[in-house]
Amino acid sequence: MTAAPAAVADSPPSVIEARALDLVFETGDGPVQALRDVNLSIGKGDFVSFIGPSGCGKTTFLRCIAGLEMPTGGTLSVNGMTPDEARRARAYGYVFQAAGLYPWRTIGGNVRLPLEIMGFSRAEQAERVARVLDLVDLAGFEKKYPWQLSGGMQQRASIARALAFDADILLMDEPFGALDEIVRDRLNEELLRLWDRTGKTIGFVTHSIPEAVYLSTRIVVMSPRPGRITDVIESPLPRERPLDIRDTPEFIEIAHRVREGLRAGHVDD
């Protein structure tokens, strides 16, 4: 396993820190180890993608960060708190694979929902909804219903909902996996612009090597179950990335290293 790179003097402060993290699920057929000895630091403002085969623990690790799963060994901190404390402090927004919008609420109503739960005033709710819908290029769609929007627009509304209460961390579990390649490319571009404008720390699960390389400042390659980190790749690509950067030798070289890391994980297993 490749350990997370050691911090250096000018590294951004760590907002997510995992050390010797294990997770074992107890099932009717016996224990199943989903994660083993995961060590990783994610700095403030990083865009970190997790990639690996199905069942390797990518989503499980993201859910651990979110306090939705409880590790059975090791330590995990989010903004210096336990994941459960961070969840209660609303330290992150979470975007699931499906948009998960309520069909009986308008787009504005869906985005406004966490703000209503958190007790924001009506005026602040309206201001925040307008701001995040503009961020995801959905200004003017507040009164539409989910069924009136395309799949890509629904997922953008889901991202807006996760951004509405302005958490510093955005966790995204394969948000574009069900979309066609053309829409996915456009949303990848929009997500990079959003990340640049907001400066948020993003954890992003994907099965796509090109997507991971295009989006990330760091790529975490994971092995088949039990999920371990086989490589952590620091991207040398510039922060501004047109889609045609995917044709450059630098991009192809990183994609090759990711592919080799995935193969190495299968061999080790």
Protein backbone atom coordinates (compact mmCIF):
# COMPACT_ATOMS: atom_id res chain seq x y z
CA MET A 1 0.00 0.00 0.00
CA THR A 2 1.21 3.52 -0.76
CA ALA A 3 0.93 5.75 2.26
CA ALA A 4 -0.43 9.26 1.99
CA PRO A 5 2.27 11.81 1.21
CA ALA A 6 3.79 13.45 4.27
CA ALA A 7 2.72 17.02 4.92
CA VAL A 8 5.16 19.76 4.01
CA ALA A 9 5.44 23.28 5.34
CA ASP A 10 3.35 24.94 2.62
CA SER A 11 0.68 22.22 2.41
CA PRO A 12 -2.91 23.31 3.03
CA PRO A 13 -4.28 22.37 6.46
CA SER A 14 -5.76 18.89 6.62
CA VAL A 15 -9.56 18.84 6.83
CA ILE A 16 -9.99 15.05 6.55
CA GLU A 17 -7.54 12.70 8.24
CA ALA A 18 -7.76 8.88 8.22
CA ARG A 19 -5.22 6.74 10.04
CA ALA A 20 -5.16 2.91 10.01
CA LEU A 21 -8.89 2.96 9.24
CA ASP A 22 -10.71 -0.38 9.19
CA LEU A 23 -14.36 -1.23 8.72
CA VAL A 24 -15.84 -4.69 9.14
CA PHE A 25 -19.51 -5.37 8.44
CA GLU A 26 -21.16 -8.15 10.40
CA THR A 27 -23.44 -10.17 8.09
CA GLY A 28 -25.47 -13.35 8.33
CA ASP A 29 -22.67 -15.12 6.45
CA GLY A 30 -19.97 -13.82 8.76
CA PRO A 31 -17.79 -10.68 8.92
CA VAL A 32 -16.95 -8.79 5.71
CA GLN A 33 -13.98 -6.42 5.76
CA ALA A 34 -14.85 -3.42 3.60
CA LEU A 35 -11.84 -1.22 4.44
CA ARG A 36 -8.38 -2.15 5.70
CA ASP A 37 -5.61 0.11 6.98
CA VAL A 38 -6.68 3.22 5.05
CA ASN A 39 -4.31 6.17 5.61
CA LEU A 40 -5.11 9.46 3.91
CA SER A 41 -4.93 13.22 4.48
CA ILE A 42 -7.11 15.59 2.45
CA GLY A 43 -6.09 19.25 2.54
CA LYS A 44 -8.31 22.30 2.46
CA GLY A 45 -9.35 23.10 -1.11
CA ASP A 46 -8.26 19.72 -2.52
CA PHE A 47 -10.32 17.97 -5.18
CA VAL A 48 -9.76 14.29 -4.39
CA SER A 49 -11.23 11.50 -6.50
CA PHE A 50 -11.57 7.90 -5.30
CA ILE A 51 -11.42 5.27 -8.01
CA GLY A 52 -11.43 1.48 -7.90
CA PRO A 53 -13.48 -1.56 -8.91
CA SER A 54 -17.05 -2.06 -7.73
CA GLY A 55 -17.18 -3.13 -4.09
CA CYS A 56 -13.73 -1.76 -3.24
CA GLY A 57 -14.98 0.56 -0.50
CA LYS A 58 -14.96 3.93 -2.28
CA THR A 59 -18.50 4.83 -1.28
CA THR A 60 -18.05 3.17 2.12
CA PHE A 61 -15.09 5.45 2.85
CA LEU A 62 -17.08 8.50 1.73
CA ARG A 63 -19.92 7.42 4.03
CA CYS A 64 -17.45 7.07 6.89
CA ILE A 65 -16.34 10.67 6.32
CA ALA A 66 -20.01 11.69 6.38
CA GLY A 67 -20.68 9.84 9.62
CA LEU A 68 -23.09 7.48 7.86
CA GLU A 69 -20.95 4.40 8.58
CA MET A 70 -18.96 3.69 11.74
CA PRO A 71 -15.35 2.47 11.32
CA THR A 72 -14.40 -0.51 13.45
CA GLY A 73 -10.72 0.43 13.78
CA GLY A 74 -8.33 3.34 13.39
CA THR A 75 -9.15 7.04 13.52
CA LEU A 76 -10.97 9.48 11.25
CA SER A 77 -11.39 13.22 11.75
CA VAL A 78 -13.27 15.86 9.75
CA ASN A 79 -12.40 19.50 10.48
CA GLY A 80 -10.78 18.29 13.69
CA MET A 81 -13.99 16.58 14.83
CA THR A 82 -15.29 13.04 14.73
CA PRO A 83 -17.40 12.36 11.60
CA ASP A 84 -20.54 12.27 13.75
CA GLU A 85 -19.70 15.64 15.30
CA ALA A 86 -18.97 17.02 11.82
CA ARG A 87 -22.30 15.69 10.54
CA ARG A 88 -24.18 17.37 13.40
CA ALA A 89 -22.18 20.56 12.77
CA ARG A 90 -23.22 20.34 9.10
CA ALA A 91 -19.59 20.49 8.00
CA TYR A 92 -20.31 18.93 4.59
CA GLY A 93 -22.83 18.66 1.79
CA TYR A 94 -23.48 15.24 0.25
CA VAL A 95 -24.47 14.51 -3.36
CA PHE A 96 -25.71 10.97 -4.01
CA GLN A 97 -25.64 8.90 -7.21
CA ALA A 98 -29.30 9.75 -7.87
CA ALA A 99 -30.49 13.34 -7.62
CA GLY A 100 -33.06 12.35 -4.98
CA LEU A 101 -35.31 15.37 -5.54
CA TYR A 102 -38.81 15.34 -4.08
CA PRO A 103 -41.20 15.36 -7.08
CA TRP A 104 -43.88 17.34 -5.24
CA ARG A 105 -41.51 20.21 -4.46
CA THR A 106 -40.25 22.72 -6.99
CA ILE A 107 -36.54 22.97 -7.71
CA GLY A 108 -36.38 25.97 -5.41
CA GLY A 109 -38.31 24.03 -2.77
CA ASN A 110 -35.90 21.09 -2.99
CA VAL A 111 -32.86 23.33 -2.66
CA ARG A 112 -34.53 25.22 0.19
CA LEU A 113 -35.36 22.08 2.21
CA PRO A 114 -32.14 21.83 4.30
CA LEU A 115 -32.35 25.56 5.00
CA GLU A 116 -35.90 25.13 6.30
CA ILE A 117 -34.78 22.27 8.53
CA MET A 118 -31.87 24.34 9.84
CA GLY A 119 -34.14 27.29 10.68
CA PHE A 120 -32.85 29.94 8.30
CA SER A 121 -35.11 32.97 7.90
CA ARG A 122 -37.27 33.19 4.78
CA ALA A 123 -35.19 36.08 3.48
CA GLU A 124 -31.92 34.19 3.89
CA GLN A 125 -33.45 31.06 2.36
CA ALA A 126 -34.45 33.06 -0.73
CA GLU A 127 -31.00 34.66 -1.00
CA ARG A 128 -29.16 31.36 -0.66
CA VAL A 129 -31.42 29.50 -3.09
CA ALA A 130 -30.97 32.19 -5.72
CA ARG A 131 -27.19 32.21 -5.21
CA VAL A 132 -26.63 28.46 -5.49
CA LEU A 133 -29.00 28.05 -8.43
CA ASP A 134 -26.97 30.70 -10.22
CA LEU A 135 -23.76 28.85 -9.27
CA VAL A 136 -24.99 25.68 -11.01
CA ASP A 137 -26.48 27.57 -13.98
CA LEU A 138 -30.10 26.95 -13.00
CA ALA A 139 -31.19 30.55 -12.43
CA GLY A 140 -34.78 30.89 -13.64
CA PHE A 141 -35.69 27.26 -12.94
CA GLU A 142 -36.69 27.74 -9.29
CA LYS A 143 -40.41 27.22 -9.98
CA LYS A 144 -39.97 24.17 -12.21
CA TYR A 145 -40.57 20.65 -10.91
CA PRO A 146 -37.96 17.88 -11.17
CA TRP A 147 -39.89 16.03 -13.89
CA GLN A 148 -39.62 19.15 -16.07
CA LEU A 149 -35.79 19.03 -16.03
CA SER A 150 -33.31 16.75 -17.77
CA GLY A 151 -31.26 14.26 -15.77
CA GLY A 152 -28.22 16.53 -15.88
CA MET A 153 -30.22 19.53 -14.67
CA GLN A 154 -31.70 17.46 -11.84
CA GLN A 155 -28.21 16.50 -10.72
CA ARG A 156 -27.16 20.15 -10.80
CA ALA A 157 -30.15 20.93 -8.59
CA SER A 158 -28.95 18.20 -6.22
CA ILE A 159 -25.52 19.85 -6.11
CA ALA A 160 -27.18 23.22 -5.43
CA ARG A 161 -29.06 21.68 -2.50
CA ALA A 162 -25.77 20.37 -1.07
CA LEU A 163 -24.22 23.83 -1.46
CA ALA A 164 -27.15 25.75 0.01
CA PHE A 165 -25.92 25.86 3.62
CA ASP A 166 -22.37 26.67 2.47
CA ALA A 167 -20.42 23.82 4.07
CA ASP A 168 -16.69 23.84 3.35
CA ILE A 169 -16.67 20.17 2.27
CA LEU A 170 -18.61 18.64 -0.62
CA LEU A 171 -18.84 14.83 -0.80
CA MET A 172 -20.00 13.41 -4.15
CA ASP A 173 -20.80 9.74 -4.76
CA GLU A 174 -20.69 9.09 -8.52
CA PRO A 175 -23.04 12.00 -9.24
CA PHE A 176 -22.65 11.75 -13.03
CA GLY A 177 -22.43 7.98 -13.43
CA ALA A 178 -25.89 7.57 -14.97
CA LEU A 179 -25.52 10.38 -17.51
CA ASP A 180 -24.48 10.12 -21.14
CA GLU A 181 -20.95 11.11 -22.09
CA ILE A 182 -21.84 14.49 -23.63
CA VAL A 183 -23.79 15.63 -20.56
CA ARG A 184 -21.14 14.19 -18.27
CA ASP A 185 -18.39 16.17 -20.03
CA ARG A 186 -20.36 19.39 -19.63
CA LEU A 187 -21.05 18.78 -15.96
CA ASN A 188 -17.39 17.94 -15.37
CA GLU A 189 -16.48 21.34 -16.80
CA GLU A 190 -19.15 23.05 -14.69
CA LEU A 191 -18.03 21.26 -11.54
CA LEU A 192 -14.45 22.44 -12.04
CA ARG A 193 -15.67 26.01 -12.46
CA LEU A 194 -17.82 25.70 -9.34
CA TRP A 195 -14.88 24.30 -7.35
CA ASP A 196 -12.68 27.17 -8.55
CA ARG A 197 -15.30 29.78 -7.59
CA THR A 198 -16.09 28.35 -4.15
CA GLY A 199 -12.73 26.95 -3.00
CA LYS A 200 -14.48 23.98 -1.37
CA THR A 201 -12.79 20.70 -0.49
CA ILE A 202 -14.31 17.97 -2.66
CA GLY A 203 -14.29 14.19 -2.24
CA PHE A 204 -15.52 12.54 -5.42
CA VAL A 205 -16.22 8.85 -6.09
CA THR A 206 -16.04 7.64 -9.70
CA HIS A 207 -15.49 4.53 -11.83
CA SER A 208 -14.18 6.62 -14.75
CA ILE A 209 -10.42 7.03 -15.18
CA PRO A 210 -10.73 10.06 -17.53
CA GLU A 211 -13.17 11.73 -15.11
CA ALA A 212 -10.88 11.17 -12.13
CA VAL A 213 -7.84 12.53 -13.97
CA TYR A 214 -9.70 15.50 -15.45
CA LEU A 215 -11.25 16.70 -12.20
CA SER A 216 -8.74 16.01 -9.48
CA THR A 217 -5.80 17.57 -7.73
CA ARG A 218 -5.21 14.10 -6.21
CA ILE A 219 -6.43 10.66 -7.27
CA VAL A 220 -6.79 7.90 -4.68
CA VAL A 221 -6.62 4.44 -6.27
CA MET A 222 -8.24 1.65 -4.26
CA SER A 223 -7.95 -2.14 -4.40
CA PRO A 224 -10.71 -4.76 -4.49
CA ARG A 225 -12.24 -5.65 -1.13
CA PRO A 226 -10.97 -5.25 1.45
CA GLY A 227 -10.54 -1.69 0.26
CA ARG A 228 -6.97 -0.44 0.57
CA ILE A 229 -5.17 2.49 -1.01
CA THR A 230 -2.74 1.29 -3.66
CA ASP A 231 -1.66 4.72 -4.91
CA VAL A 232 -2.18 8.43 -4.25
CA ILE A 233 -1.42 10.43 -7.39
CA GLU A 234 -0.70 14.16 -7.22
CA SER A 235 -1.87 15.75 -10.44
CA PRO A 236 0.56 18.10 -12.21
CA LEU A 237 -2.22 19.44 -14.46
CA PRO A 238 -3.02 23.18 -14.28
CA ARG A 239 -6.06 24.29 -12.28
CA GLU A 240 -7.80 25.53 -15.45
CA ARG A 241 -8.46 22.50 -17.64
CA PRO A 242 -10.21 22.61 -21.00
CA LEU A 243 -11.66 19.28 -22.11
CA ASP A 244 -9.01 18.87 -24.79
CA ILE A 245 -6.37 18.58 -22.05
CA ARG A 246 -7.38 14.91 -22.10
CA ASP A 247 -5.44 14.54 -25.36
CA THR A 248 -2.15 15.77 -23.89
CA PRO A 249 0.79 13.48 -23.01
CA GLU A 250 0.61 14.62 -19.36
CA PHE A 251 -3.03 13.57 -19.05
CA ILE A 252 -2.43 10.23 -20.76
CA GLU A 253 0.54 9.55 -18.47
CA ILE A 254 -1.56 10.11 -15.32
CA ALA A 255 -4.37 7.94 -16.72
CA HIS A 256 -1.81 5.19 -17.37
CA ARG A 257 -0.58 5.38 -13.78
CA VAL A 258 -4.17 5.12 -12.48
CA ARG A 259 -4.78 2.09 -14.70
CA GLU A 260 -1.56 0.46 -13.47
CA GLY A 261 -2.60 1.12 -9.88
CA LEU A 262 -5.92 -0.59 -10.47
CA ARG A 263 -4.16 -3.58 -12.00
CA ALA A 264 -1.68 -3.74 -9.13
CA GLY A 265 -4.56 -3.86 -6.67
CA HIS A 266 -6.01 -6.91 -8.40
CA VAL A 267 -2.59 -8.63 -8.43
CA ASP A 268 -2.06 -7.92 -4.72
CA ASP A 269 -5.50 -9.28 -3.96
